[in-house]
PDB file of N, CA and C in Angstrom:
ATOM      1  N   MET A   1      60.112 101.114  96.543  1.00  0.00           N
ATOM      2  CA  MET A   1      60.272 101.974  95.301  1.00  0.00           C
ATOM      3  C   MET A   1      60.347 103.046  97.071  1.00  0.00           C
ATOM      4  N   ALA A   2      61.001 104.106  95.947  1.00  0.00           N
ATOM      5  CA  ALA A   2      61.398 105.810  97.110  1.00  0.00           C
ATOM      6  C   ALA A   2      59.949 105.857  96.129  1.00  0.00           C
ATOM      7  N   GLY A   3      60.030 107.185  97.205  1.00  0.00           N
ATOM      8  CA  GLY A   3      58.866 108.040  97.391  1.00  0.00           C
ATOM      9  C   GLY A   3      59.248 109.853  97.783  1.00  0.00           C
ATOM     10  N   LEU A   4      58.003 110.812  96.978  1.00  0.00           N
ATOM     11  CA  LEU A   4      57.563 111.495  97.295  1.00  0.00           C
ATOM     12  C   LEU A   4      57.363 112.040  98.506  1.00  0.00           C
ATOM     13  N   TRP A   5      57.772 113.827  98.371  1.00  0.00           N
ATOM     14  CA  TRP A   5      57.485 114.141  99.672  1.00  0.00           C
ATOM     15  C   TRP A   5      57.356 115.461  99.411  1.00  0.00           C
ATOM     16  N   LYS A   6      56.783 116.524  99.097  1.00  0.00           N
ATOM     17  CA  LYS A   6      56.646 117.955  99.570  1.00  0.00           C
ATOM     18  C   LYS A   6      56.799 118.769 100.760  1.00  0.00           C
ATOM     19  N   ARG A   7      57.637 119.407 101.300  1.00  0.00           N
ATOM     20  CA  ARG A   7      57.104 120.046 102.357  1.00  0.00           C
ATOM     21  C   ARG A   7      55.814 121.670 102.309  1.00  0.00           C
ATOM     22  N   ASN A   8      55.339 121.641 102.901  1.00  0.00           N
ATOM     23  CA  ASN A   8      54.209 122.721 102.349  1.00  0.00           C
ATOM     24  C   ASN A   8      55.200 124.390 101.942  1.00  0.00           C
ATOM     25  N   ASN A   9      55.867 124.311 102.523  1.00  0.00           N
ATOM     26  CA  ASN A   9      56.660 125.595 102.125  1.00  0.00           C
ATOM     27  C   ASN A   9      57.908 125.481 100.655  1.00  0.00           C
ATOM     28  N   SER A  10      57.851 124.314 100.587  1.00  0.00           N
ATOM     29  CA  SER A  10      59.129 123.795  99.662  1.00  0.00           C
ATOM     30  C   SER A  10      58.033 124.200  98.339  1.00  0.00           C
ATOM     31  N   LYS A  11      58.769 124.375  97.251  1.00  0.00           N
ATOM     32  CA  LYS A  11      58.387 124.150  95.548  1.00  0.00           C
ATOM     33  C   LYS A  11      59.046 123.026  95.434  1.00  0.00           C
ATOM     34  N   ASN A  12      59.861 122.645  95.986  1.00  0.00           N
ATOM     35  CA  ASN A  12      60.830 121.620  94.914  1.00  0.00           C
ATOM     36  C   ASN A  12      60.312 120.114  95.943  1.00  0.00           C
ATOM     37  N   TYR A  13      60.455 118.692  95.819  1.00  0.00           N
ATOM     38  CA  TYR A  13      59.609 117.240  96.017  1.00  0.00           C
ATOM     39  C   TYR A  13      61.836 116.696  97.542  1.00  0.00           C
ATOM     40  N   ALA A  14      61.304 116.325  97.981  1.00  0.00           N
ATOM     41  CA  ALA A  14      62.374 115.016  98.171  1.00  0.00           C
ATOM     42  C   ALA A  14      62.259 113.319  97.842  1.00  0.00           C
ATOM     43  N   ALA A  15      63.357 113.151  97.616  1.00  0.00           N
ATOM     44  CA  ALA A  15      62.831 111.613  96.995  1.00  0.00           C
ATOM     45  C   ALA A  15      63.385 110.860  99.258  1.00  0.00           C
ATOM     46  N   VAL A  16      61.939 110.317  99.281  1.00  0.00           N
ATOM     47  CA  VAL A  16      62.533 109.863 100.647  1.00  0.00           C
ATOM     48  C   VAL A  16      62.507 107.523 100.348  1.00  0.00           C
ATOM     49  N   PHE A  17      63.385 107.006 100.799  1.00  0.00           N
ATOM     50  CA  PHE A  17      63.770 105.697 100.618  1.00  0.00           C
ATOM     51  C   PHE A  17      64.446 105.585 101.772  1.00  0.00           C
ATOM     52  N   ARG A  18      65.525 104.499 101.485  1.00  0.00           N
ATOM     53  CA  ARG A  18      66.263 103.058 102.443  1.00  0.00           C
ATOM     54  C   ARG A  18      67.383 102.548 101.784  1.00  0.00           C
ATOM     55  N   ASP A  19      68.208 103.241 102.596  1.00  0.00           N
ATOM     56  CA  ASP A  19      69.452 102.895 102.144  1.00  0.00           C
ATOM     57  C   ASP A  19      69.761 101.135 102.199  1.00  0.00           C
ATOM     58  N   LYS A  20      71.010 100.475 101.946  1.00  0.00           N
ATOM     59  CA  LYS A  20      71.002  99.776 101.950  1.00  0.00           C
ATOM     60  C   LYS A  20      71.005  98.722 104.152  1.00  0.00           C
ATOM     61  N   ASN A  21      70.947  99.551 104.757  1.00  0.00           N
ATOM     62  CA  ASN A  21      71.386  99.074 105.947  1.00  0.00           C
ATOM     63  C   ASN A  21      70.218  99.338 106.321  1.00  0.00           C
ATOM     64  N   GLY A  22      68.956 100.390 105.732  1.00  0.00           N
ATOM     65  CA  GLY A  22      67.770 100.561 106.614  1.00  0.00           C
ATOM     66  C   GLY A  22      67.859 100.871 106.749  1.00  0.00           C
ATOM     67  N   ILE A  23      68.122 102.227 106.693  1.00  0.00           N
ATOM     68  CA  ILE A  23      68.257 103.382 106.969  1.00  0.00           C
ATOM     69  C   ILE A  23      67.044 104.221 106.191  1.00  0.00           C
ATOM     70  N   ARG A  24      66.958 105.180 107.104  1.00  0.00           N
ATOM     71  CA  ARG A  24      65.281 106.140 106.001  1.00  0.00           C
ATOM     72  C   ARG A  24      66.392 108.063 105.414  1.00  0.00           C
ATOM     73  N   ARG A  25      66.057 107.426 104.416  1.00  0.00           N
ATOM     74  CA  ARG A  25      67.406 109.269 103.002  1.00  0.00           C
ATOM     75  C   ARG A  25      66.359 109.865 102.762  1.00  0.00           C
ATOM     76  N   CYS A  26      65.929 111.262 103.615  1.00  0.00           N
ATOM     77  CA  CYS A  26      65.008 111.978 102.531  1.00  0.00           C
ATOM     78  C   CYS A  26      65.960 113.260 102.155  1.00  0.00           C
ATOM     79  N   ILE A  27      66.070 113.018 100.866  1.00  0.00           N
ATOM     80  CA  ILE A  27      66.849 113.892  99.892  1.00  0.00           C
ATOM     81  C   ILE A  27      66.806 114.429  99.019  1.00  0.00           C
ATOM     82  N   SER A  28      66.954 116.031  98.740  1.00  0.00           N
ATOM     83  CA  SER A  28      65.999 116.721  97.715  1.00  0.00           C
ATOM     84  C   SER A  28      66.507 116.747  96.976  1.00  0.00           C
ATOM     85  N   THR A  29      65.049 117.159  95.275  1.00  0.00           N
ATOM     86  CA  THR A  29      65.816 116.386  94.245  1.00  0.00           C
ATOM     87  C   THR A  29      66.144 118.166  93.116  1.00  0.00           C
ATOM     88  N   GLY A  30      65.754 118.749  93.657  1.00  0.00           N
ATOM     89  CA  GLY A  30      65.523 119.850  93.709  1.00  0.00           C
ATOM     90  C   GLY A  30      64.832 120.090  92.283  1.00  0.00           C
ATOM     91  N   THR A  31      64.276 120.007  91.780  1.00  0.00           N
ATOM     92  CA  THR A  31      62.977 119.574  90.947  1.00  0.00           C
ATOM     93  C   THR A  31      61.939 120.293  91.468  1.00  0.00           C
ATOM     94  N   SER A  32      60.481 121.035  90.689  1.00  0.00           N
ATOM     95  CA  SER A  32      59.674 120.614  91.603  1.00  0.00           C
ATOM     96  C   SER A  32      58.817 119.473  89.937  1.00  0.00           C
ATOM     97  N   ASN A  33      59.083 119.835  89.595  1.00  0.00           N
ATOM     98  CA  ASN A  33      58.364 118.214  87.667  1.00  0.00           C
ATOM     99  C   ASN A  33      58.365 117.490  88.547  1.00  0.00           C
ATOM    100  N   ARG A  34      56.881 116.806  88.465  1.00  0.00           N
ATOM    101  CA  ARG A  34      56.782 115.804  89.722  1.00  0.00           C
ATOM    102  C   ARG A  34      58.127 114.091  88.258  1.00  0.00           C
ATOM    103  N   ARG A  35      57.564 114.186  88.236  1.00  0.00           N
ATOM    104  CA  ARG A  35      58.334 113.286  86.936  1.00  0.00           C
ATOM    105  C   ARG A  35      59.169 112.626  86.688  1.00  0.00           C
ATOM    106  N   GLU A  36      60.417 113.839  87.032  1.00  0.00           N
ATOM    107  CA  GLU A  36      61.480 114.398  86.784  1.00  0.00           C
ATOM    108  C   GLU A  36      61.753 113.723  87.737  1.00  0.00           C
ATOM    109  N   ALA A  37      61.365 114.358  89.746  1.00  0.00           N
ATOM    110  CA  ALA A  37      61.949 113.793  90.824  1.00  0.00           C
ATOM    111  C   ALA A  37      61.436 112.357  90.825  1.00  0.00           C
ATOM    112  N   ARG A  38      60.619 111.956  90.515  1.00  0.00           N
ATOM    113  CA  ARG A  38      60.161 110.349  90.651  1.00  0.00           C
ATOM    114  C   ARG A  38      61.820 109.694  90.327  1.00  0.00           C
ATOM    115  N   LYS A  39      62.582 110.807  89.227  1.00  0.00           N
ATOM    116  CA  LYS A  39      62.982 110.193  88.219  1.00  0.00           C
ATOM    117  C   LYS A  39      64.420 109.298  89.016  1.00  0.00           C
ATOM    118  N   ILE A  40      64.935 111.023  89.603  1.00  0.00           N
ATOM    119  CA  ILE A  40      65.737 111.090  90.491  1.00  0.00           C
ATOM    120  C   ILE A  40      65.721 110.600  91.840  1.00  0.00           C
ATOM    121  N   ALA A  41      64.009 110.274  92.707  1.00  0.00           N
ATOM    122  CA  ALA A  41      64.277 110.359  93.584  1.00  0.00           C
ATOM    123  C   ALA A  41      64.589 108.148  93.371  1.00  0.00           C
ATOM    124  N   ASP A  42      64.684 106.942  92.151  1.00  0.00           N
ATOM    125  CA  ASP A  42      64.894 106.470  91.928  1.00  0.00           C
ATOM    126  C   ASP A  42      66.202 106.243  91.550  1.00  0.00           C
ATOM    127  N   THR A  43      66.745 107.228  91.264  1.00  0.00           N
ATOM    128  CA  THR A  43      67.997 106.609  90.487  1.00  0.00           C
ATOM    129  C   THR A  43      68.656 106.337  92.071  1.00  0.00           C
ATOM    130  N   TYR A  44      68.259 107.788  92.974  1.00  0.00           N
ATOM    131  CA  TYR A  44      68.522 107.787  94.354  1.00  0.00           C
ATOM    132  C   TYR A  44      68.822 106.647  94.776  1.00  0.00           C
ATOM    133  N   GLU A  45      67.078 105.673  95.129  1.00  0.00           N
ATOM    134  CA  GLU A  45      67.573 104.665  96.464  1.00  0.00           C
ATOM    135  C   GLU A  45      68.309 103.341  95.343  1.00  0.00           C
ATOM    136  N   ALA A  46      68.460 103.648  93.723  1.00  0.00           N
ATOM    137  CA  ALA A  46      69.272 102.668  93.627  1.00  0.00           C
ATOM    138  C   ALA A  46      70.548 102.525  94.111  1.00  0.00           C
ATOM    139  N   ALA A  47      71.027 104.243  93.958  1.00  0.00           N
ATOM    140  CA  ALA A  47      72.742 104.136  93.854  1.00  0.00           C
ATOM    141  C   ALA A  47      72.709 104.141  95.286  1.00  0.00           C
ATOM    142  N   ALA A  48      71.178 103.822  96.140  1.00  0.00           N
ATOM    143  CA  ALA A  48      72.457 104.129  98.265  1.00  0.00           C
ATOM    144  C   ALA A  48      72.177 102.641  98.759  1.00  0.00           C
ATOM    145  N   ARG A  49      71.579 101.432  97.276  1.00  0.00           N
ATOM    146  CA  ARG A  49      70.997  99.701  97.190  1.00  0.00           C
ATOM    147  C   ARG A  49      71.993  99.506  97.598  1.00  0.00           C
ATOM    148  N   ILE A  50      73.376  99.973  96.451  1.00  0.00           N
ATOM    149  CA  ILE A  50      73.906  99.175  96.047  1.00  0.00           C
ATOM    150  C   ILE A  50      75.381  99.212  96.492  1.00  0.00           C
ATOM    151  N   LYS A  51      76.605  98.349  97.297  1.00  0.00           N
ATOM    152  CA  LYS A  51      77.127  98.695  97.657  1.00  0.00           C
ATOM    153  C   LYS A  51      78.454  99.821  96.117  1.00  0.00           C
ATOM    154  N   ARG A  52      78.364 100.671  96.056  1.00  0.00           N
ATOM    155  CA  ARG A  52      79.670 101.779  95.123  1.00  0.00           C
ATOM    156  C   ARG A  52      80.664 101.829  95.393  1.00  0.00           C
ATOM    157  N   THR A  53      81.748 102.220  93.946  1.00  0.00           N
ATOM    158  CA  THR A  53      82.684 102.796  94.550  1.00  0.00           C
ATOM    159  C   THR A  53      81.682 104.396  94.495  1.00  0.00           C
ATOM    160  N   LEU A  54      83.350 104.853  94.904  1.00  0.00           N
ATOM    161  CA  LEU A  54      82.737 106.859  94.745  1.00  0.00           C
ATOM    162  C   LEU A  54      82.730 106.837  93.683  1.00  0.00           C
ATOM    163  N   LEU A  55      83.649 106.566  92.077  1.00  0.00           N
ATOM    164  CA  LEU A  55      83.238 106.506  90.714  1.00  0.00           C
ATOM    165  C   LEU A  55      82.454 106.294  89.940  1.00  0.00           C
ATOM    166  N   GLN A  56      82.073 104.582  90.340  1.00  0.00           N
ATOM    167  CA  GLN A  56      80.186 104.594  89.928  1.00  0.00           C
ATOM    168  C   GLN A  56      78.831 105.009  90.473  1.00  0.00           C
ATOM    169  N   THR A  57      79.234 105.592  91.765  1.00  0.00           N
ATOM    170  CA  THR A  57      78.250 106.854  91.865  1.00  0.00           C
ATOM    171  C   THR A  57      78.580 108.661  90.625  1.00  0.00           C
ATOM    172  N   ARG A  58      79.409 109.063  91.153  1.00  0.00           N
ATOM    173  CA  ARG A  58      80.227 109.795  90.069  1.00  0.00           C
ATOM    174  C   ARG A  58      78.951 109.072  88.964  1.00  0.00           C
ATOM    175  N   LYS A  59      79.531 108.234  87.959  1.00  0.00           N
ATOM    176  CA  LYS A  59      79.193 107.734  86.657  1.00  0.00           C
ATOM    177  C   LYS A  59      77.077 107.991  87.124  1.00  0.00           C
ATOM    178  N   VAL A  60      76.848 107.340  87.287  1.00  0.00           N
ATOM    179  CA  VAL A  60      75.638 107.873  87.831  1.00  0.00           C
ATOM    180  C   VAL A  60      74.385 109.004  87.548  1.00  0.00           C
ATOM    181  N   ILE A  61      75.087 109.907  88.544  1.00  0.00           N
ATOM    182  CA  ILE A  61      74.596 110.941  88.532  1.00  0.00           C
ATOM    183  C   ILE A  61      75.505 111.580  87.818  1.00  0.00           C
ATOM    184  N   GLU A  62      76.296 111.307  86.951  1.00  0.00           N
ATOM    185  CA  GLU A  62      76.786 112.823  85.711  1.00  0.00           C
ATOM    186  C   GLU A  62      75.485 112.358  85.017  1.00  0.00           C
ATOM    187  N   ARG A  63      75.183 110.873  84.450  1.00  0.00           N
ATOM    188  CA  ARG A  63      74.347 110.156  83.457  1.00  0.00           C
ATOM    189  C   ARG A  63      73.174 110.876  83.882  1.00  0.00           C
ATOM    190  N   LEU A  64      72.576 111.390  85.049  1.00  0.00           N
ATOM    191  CA  LEU A  64      71.208 111.571  85.548  1.00  0.00           C
ATOM    192  C   LEU A  64      71.337 113.383  84.838  1.00  0.00           C
ATOM    193  N   HIS A  65      72.070 113.403  85.441  1.00  0.00           N
ATOM    194  CA  HIS A  65      72.544 115.579  84.782  1.00  0.00           C
ATOM    195  C   HIS A  65      72.636 115.072  83.873  1.00  0.00           C
ATOM    196  N   GLU A  66      72.750 114.659  82.680  1.00  0.00           N
ATOM    197  CA  GLU A  66      72.712 114.730  81.459  1.00  0.00           C
ATOM    198  C   GLU A  66      72.052 114.361  81.197  1.00  0.00           C
ATOM    199  N   GLU A  67      70.406 113.496  80.815  1.00  0.00           N
ATOM    200  CA  GLU A  67      69.454 112.882  80.859  1.00  0.00           C
ATOM    201  C   GLU A  67      67.786 114.279  81.525  1.00  0.00           C
ATOM    202  N   MET A  68      68.374 114.094  82.233  1.00  0.00           N
ATOM    203  CA  MET A  68      67.192 115.656  82.622  1.00  0.00           C
ATOM    204  C   MET A  68      68.048 117.230  82.139  1.00  0.00           C
ATOM    205  N   THR A  69      69.469 117.718  81.719  1.00  0.00           N
ATOM    206  CA  THR A  69      69.406 118.922  81.418  1.00  0.00           C
ATOM    207  C   THR A  69      70.076 119.238  79.684  1.00  0.00           C
ATOM    208  N   GLY A  70      70.655 117.594  79.419  1.00  0.00           N
ATOM    209  CA  GLY A  70      70.790 117.527  77.995  1.00  0.00           C
ATOM    210  C   GLY A  70      73.364 117.230  77.577  1.00  0.00           C
ATOM    211  N   GLU A  71      73.132 118.433  79.192  1.00  0.00           N
ATOM    212  CA  GLU A  71      74.031 118.789  79.324  1.00  0.00           C
ATOM    213  C   GLU A  71      74.864 118.402  79.946  1.00  0.00           C
ATOM    214  N   THR A  72      76.546 117.722  79.549  1.00  0.00           N
ATOM    215  CA  THR A  72      77.392 116.491  79.289  1.00  0.00           C
ATOM    216  C   THR A  72      78.471 118.076  80.905  1.00  0.00           C
ATOM    217  N   ILE A  73      78.413 116.447  81.588  1.00  0.00           N
ATOM    218  CA  ILE A  73      79.467 118.007  82.633  1.00  0.00           C
ATOM    219  C   ILE A  73      81.018 117.321  82.138  1.00  0.00           C
ATOM    220  N   SER A  74      82.223 118.379  82.292  1.00  0.00           N
ATOM    221  CA  SER A  74      83.162 118.341  81.827  1.00  0.00           C
ATOM    222  C   SER A  74      83.961 117.740  82.753  1.00  0.00           C
ATOM    223  N   ARG A  75      85.235 117.294  83.135  1.00  0.00           N
ATOM    224  CA  ARG A  75      85.935 117.323  83.437  1.00  0.00           C
ATOM    225  C   ARG A  75      87.562 117.607  83.353  1.00  0.00           C
ATOM    226  N   VAL A  76      88.194 117.871  84.197  1.00  0.00           N
ATOM    227  CA  VAL A  76      89.656 118.616  84.060  1.00  0.00           C
ATOM    228  C   VAL A  76      90.499 118.552  84.967  1.00  0.00           C
ATOM    229  N   THR A  77      91.137 117.472  84.242  1.00  0.00           N
ATOM    230  CA  THR A  77      92.483 117.660  84.717  1.00  0.00           C
ATOM    231  C   THR A  77      93.365 118.337  85.332  1.00  0.00           C
ATOM    232  N   ILE A  78      93.936 118.242  86.761  1.00  0.00           N
ATOM    233  CA  ILE A  78      95.082 119.295  86.607  1.00  0.00           C
ATOM    234  C   ILE A  78      95.410 119.137  85.684  1.00  0.00           C
ATOM    235  N   ARG A  79      97.012 118.241  85.316  1.00  0.00           N
ATOM    236  CA  ARG A  79      97.622 118.163  84.510  1.00  0.00           C
ATOM    237  C   ARG A  79      96.801 119.675  82.775  1.00  0.00           C
ATOM    238  N   SER A  80      95.888 119.012  82.426  1.00  0.00           N
ATOM    239  CA  SER A  80      95.410 120.010  81.250  1.00  0.00           C
ATOM    240  C   SER A  80      95.491 121.053  81.669  1.00  0.00           C
ATOM    241  N   ARG A  81      94.987 121.853  83.047  1.00  0.00           N
ATOM    242  CA  ARG A  81      94.989 122.614  83.377  1.00  0.00           C
ATOM    243  C   ARG A  81      95.621 123.583  83.415  1.00  0.00           C
ATOM    244  N   VAL A  82      97.523 122.398  83.907  1.00  0.00           N
ATOM    245  CA  VAL A  82      98.513 123.298  83.825  1.00  0.00           C
ATOM    246  C   VAL A  82      99.096 123.752  82.511  1.00  0.00           C
ATOM    247  N   THR A  83      98.640 123.070  81.923  1.00  0.00           N
ATOM    248  CA  THR A  83      99.340 122.434  80.538  1.00  0.00           C
ATOM    249  C   THR A  83      98.689 123.608  80.188  1.00  0.00           C
ATOM    250  N   ASP A  84      97.254 123.883  79.475  1.00  0.00           N
ATOM    251  CA  ASP A  84      95.848 125.321  79.294  1.00  0.00           C
ATOM    252  C   ASP A  84      96.701 126.751  79.984  1.00  0.00           C
ATOM    253  N   TRP A  85      96.877 126.987  81.267  1.00  0.00           N
ATOM    254  CA  TRP A  85      97.337 127.929  81.654  1.00  0.00           C
ATOM    255  C   TRP A  85      98.354 128.626  80.994  1.00  0.00           C
ATOM    256  N   LEU A  86      99.547 127.425  80.901  1.00  0.00           N
ATOM    257  CA  LEU A  86     101.085 128.070  80.651  1.00  0.00           C
ATOM    258  C   LEU A  86     101.303 128.461  79.073  1.00  0.00           C
ATOM    259  N   ALA A  87     100.374 128.257  78.428  1.00  0.00           N
ATOM    260  CA  ALA A  87     100.001 128.529  77.379  1.00  0.00           C
ATOM    261  C   ALA A  87      99.669 129.461  76.695  1.00  0.00           C
ATOM    262  N   THR A  88      98.598 129.788  78.239  1.00  0.00           N
ATOM    263  CA  THR A  88      98.354 130.944  77.965  1.00  0.00           C
ATOM    264  C   THR A  88      98.846 132.336  78.789  1.00  0.00           C
ATOM    265  N   LYS A  89      99.639 131.588  79.448  1.00  0.00           N
ATOM    266  CA  LYS A  89     100.880 132.821  80.595  1.00  0.00           C
ATOM    267  C   LYS A  89     102.549 132.915  79.236  1.00  0.00           C
ATOM    268  N   ARG A  90     102.736 132.013  78.182  1.00  0.00           N
ATOM    269  CA  ARG A  90     103.639 132.309  77.067  1.00  0.00           C
ATOM    270  C   ARG A  90     104.136 133.280  76.923  1.00  0.00           C
ATOM    271  N   PRO A  91     103.315 133.752  75.534  1.00  0.00           N
ATOM    272  CA  PRO A  91     103.451 135.392  75.210  1.00  0.00           C
ATOM    273  C   PRO A  91     103.369 136.339  76.106  1.00  0.00           C
ATOM    274  N   GLU A  92     102.499 136.586  77.477  1.00  0.00           N
ATOM    275  CA  GLU A  92     102.760 137.394  78.286  1.00  0.00           C
ATOM    276  C   GLU A  92     104.654 137.877  79.430  1.00  0.00           C
ATOM    277  N   ILE A  93     105.231 136.160  79.580  1.00  0.00           N
ATOM    278  CA  ILE A  93     106.137 136.330  80.467  1.00  0.00           C
ATOM    279  C   ILE A  93     107.677 135.851  79.423  1.00  0.00           C
ATOM    280  N   ALA A  94     108.833 135.990  80.460  1.00  0.00           N
ATOM    281  CA  ALA A  94     110.198 135.353  79.698  1.00  0.00           C
ATOM    282  C   ALA A  94     110.524 135.332  79.523  1.00  0.00           C
ATOM    283  N   PHE A  95     111.053 134.318  78.525  1.00  0.00           N
ATOM    284  CA  PHE A  95     111.106 132.750  78.704  1.00  0.00           C
ATOM    285  C   PHE A  95     112.502 132.518  80.282  1.00  0.00           C
ATOM    286  N   THR A  96     112.650 132.741  80.596  1.00  0.00           N
ATOM    287  CA  THR A  96     113.372 132.495  82.420  1.00  0.00           C
ATOM    288  C   THR A  96     112.297 132.019  83.381  1.00  0.00           C
ATOM    289  N   SER A  97     111.318 133.037  83.020  1.00  0.00           N
ATOM    290  CA  SER A  97     110.096 132.676  83.957  1.00  0.00           C
ATOM    291  C   SER A  97     109.297 131.721  83.971  1.00  0.00           C
ATOM    292  N   LEU A  98     109.075 131.553  82.636  1.00  0.00           N
ATOM    293  CA  LEU A  98     108.641 130.079  81.788  1.00  0.00           C
ATOM    294  C   LEU A  98     108.616 128.846  82.217  1.00  0.00           C
ATOM    295  N   GLY A  99     110.362 128.927  81.688  1.00  0.00           N
ATOM    296  CA  GLY A  99     111.045 128.019  82.205  1.00  0.00           C
ATOM    297  C   GLY A  99     110.798 127.584  84.240  1.00  0.00           C
ATOM    298  N   PHE A 100     111.263 128.529  84.805  1.00  0.00           N
ATOM    299  CA  PHE A 100     110.542 128.600  86.054  1.00  0.00           C
ATOM    300  C   PHE A 100     108.901 128.072  86.221  1.00  0.00           C
ATOM    301  N   TYR A 101     108.374 128.094  85.567  1.00  0.00           N
ATOM    302  CA  TYR A 101     107.104 127.982  86.141  1.00  0.00           C
ATOM    303  C   TYR A 101     106.871 126.275  85.606  1.00  0.00           C
ATOM    304  N   GLN A 102     107.339 126.509  84.123  1.00  0.00           N
ATOM    305  CA  GLN A 102     107.953 124.571  83.914  1.00  0.00           C
ATOM    306  C   GLN A 102     108.282 123.940  85.139  1.00  0.00           C
ATOM    307  N   ASN A 103     109.424 124.223  85.387  1.00  0.00           N
ATOM    308  CA  ASN A 103     110.038 123.604  86.156  1.00  0.00           C
ATOM    309  C   ASN A 103     109.003 123.375  87.443  1.00  0.00           C
ATOM    310  N   SER A 104     108.424 124.133  87.807  1.00  0.00           N
ATOM    311  CA  SER A 104     108.247 124.730  89.619  1.00  0.00           C
ATOM    312  C   SER A 104     106.171 123.980  89.018  1.00  0.00           C
ATOM    313  N   LEU A 105     105.924 123.897  88.383  1.00  0.00           N
ATOM    314  CA  LEU A 105     104.931 123.178  87.873  1.00  0.00           C
ATOM    315  C   LEU A 105     105.295 121.503  87.247  1.00  0.00           C
ATOM    316  N   GLY A 106     105.814 121.359  87.299  1.00  0.00           N
ATOM    317  CA  GLY A 106     106.226 119.634  86.780  1.00  0.00           C
ATOM    318  C   GLY A 106     106.820 118.892  88.052  1.00  0.00           C
ATOM    319  N   LYS A 107     107.285 119.442  89.452  1.00  0.00           N
ATOM    320  CA  LYS A 107     107.690 119.044  90.619  1.00  0.00           C
ATOM    321  C   LYS A 107     105.831 118.750  91.027  1.00  0.00           C
ATOM    322  N   PHE A 108     105.125 119.780  91.225  1.00  0.00           N
ATOM    323  CA  PHE A 108     103.682 119.813  91.601  1.00  0.00           C
ATOM    324  C   PHE A 108     103.155 119.031  91.025  1.00  0.00           C
ATOM    325  N   LEU A 109     103.025 118.666  89.485  1.00  0.00           N
ATOM    326  CA  LEU A 109     102.351 117.657  89.034  1.00  0.00           C
ATOM    327  C   LEU A 109     103.144 115.621  89.882  1.00  0.00           C
ATOM    328  N   ASP A 110     104.473 115.979  89.850  1.00  0.00           N
ATOM    329  CA  ASP A 110     105.513 114.986  90.179  1.00  0.00           C
ATOM    330  C   ASP A 110     104.867 114.690  91.516  1.00  0.00           C
ATOM    331  N   PHE A 111     104.649 115.507  92.121  1.00  0.00           N
ATOM    332  CA  PHE A 111     104.145 115.536  94.024  1.00  0.00           C
ATOM    333  C   PHE A 111     102.609 114.969  93.952  1.00  0.00           C
ATOM    334  N   LEU A 112     102.135 115.107  92.970  1.00  0.00           N
ATOM    335  CA  LEU A 112     100.555 114.636  92.896  1.00  0.00           C
ATOM    336  C   LEU A 112     100.254 113.542  92.472  1.00  0.00           C
ATOM    337  N   ALA A 113     101.408 113.245  91.509  1.00  0.00           N
ATOM    338  CA  ALA A 113     101.145 112.058  91.116  1.00  0.00           C
ATOM    339  C   ALA A 113     101.845 110.279  92.385  1.00  0.00           C
ATOM    340  N   PHE A 114     102.839 111.654  93.440  1.00  0.00           N
ATOM    341  CA  PHE A 114     103.236 109.987  93.769  1.00  0.00           C
ATOM    342  C   PHE A 114     102.159 110.864  95.289  1.00  0.00           C
ATOM    343  N   VAL A 115     102.139 110.837  95.449  1.00  0.00           N
ATOM    344  CA  VAL A 115     100.633 111.548  96.395  1.00  0.00           C
ATOM    345  C   VAL A 115      99.298 110.110  96.775  1.00  0.00           C
ATOM    346  N   THR A 116      99.112 110.019  94.903  1.00  0.00           N
ATOM    347  CA  THR A 116      97.857 109.771  94.853  1.00  0.00           C
ATOM    348  C   THR A 116      98.207 107.783  94.314  1.00  0.00           C
ATOM    349  N   SER A 117      99.827 108.023  94.243  1.00  0.00           N
ATOM    350  CA  SER A 117     100.195 106.277  94.047  1.00  0.00           C
ATOM    351  C   SER A 117     100.016 106.048  95.988  1.00  0.00           C
ATOM    352  N   LEU A 118      99.881 107.188  96.779  1.00  0.00           N
ATOM    353  CA  LEU A 118     100.237 107.029  97.940  1.00  0.00           C
ATOM    354  C   LEU A 118      98.472 106.406  98.404  1.00  0.00           C
ATOM    355  N   ILE A 119      97.762 106.861  97.987  1.00  0.00           N
ATOM    356  CA  ILE A 119      96.510 106.698  98.397  1.00  0.00           C
ATOM    357  C   ILE A 119      95.972 105.537  97.395  1.00  0.00           C
ATOM    358  N   GLY A 120      96.415 105.753  96.321  1.00  0.00           N
ATOM    359  CA  GLY A 120      96.801 103.933  95.963  1.00  0.00           C
ATOM    360  C   GLY A 120      96.816 102.443  96.695  1.00  0.00           C
ATOM    361  N   ALA A 121      97.495 103.003  97.082  1.00  0.00           N
ATOM    362  CA  ALA A 121      98.548 101.685  97.785  1.00  0.00           C
ATOM    363  C   ALA A 121      97.854 102.102  99.069  1.00  0.00           C
ATOM    364  N   PHE A 122      97.276 102.927 100.142  1.00  0.00           N
ATOM    365  CA  PHE A 122      96.253 102.253 101.228  1.00  0.00           C
ATOM    366  C   PHE A 122      94.828 102.100 101.101  1.00  0.00           C
ATOM    367  N   ALA A 123      94.503 102.348  99.942  1.00  0.00           N
ATOM    368  CA  ALA A 123      92.930 102.794  99.588  1.00  0.00           C
ATOM    369  C   ALA A 123      93.245 100.442  99.036  1.00  0.00           C
ATOM    370  N   SER A 124      93.889  99.483  98.701  1.00  0.00           N
ATOM    371  CA  SER A 124      93.771  98.549  97.842  1.00  0.00           C
ATOM    372  C   SER A 124      94.267  98.093  99.418  1.00  0.00           C
TER     373      SER A 124
END
């Protein structure tokens, strides 16, 4: 079970636990509320003891954040951000400039898709 520790000069608690390799970890919980700190510490320990992928770890942290604050973490893809940006630029620029931006950003997104596929091939 994770422990809580508080430095004399700090208002926030730190989570103290051992990971799956037996290494002692001490990570700030970022809160001075003992009940919240306990929940965060237990989540840290659970995440550290199980071999998880980055995606699984991200989901655990996002769920914890949502439980603690009531706010969801929004994710924006590069493709949706580019599409939104082009939509805001459309009334401000000439038709030829818009075509140039669409072509350039299309090539950029294709490049990112290619890089992502390479990373996926090496990760497998």
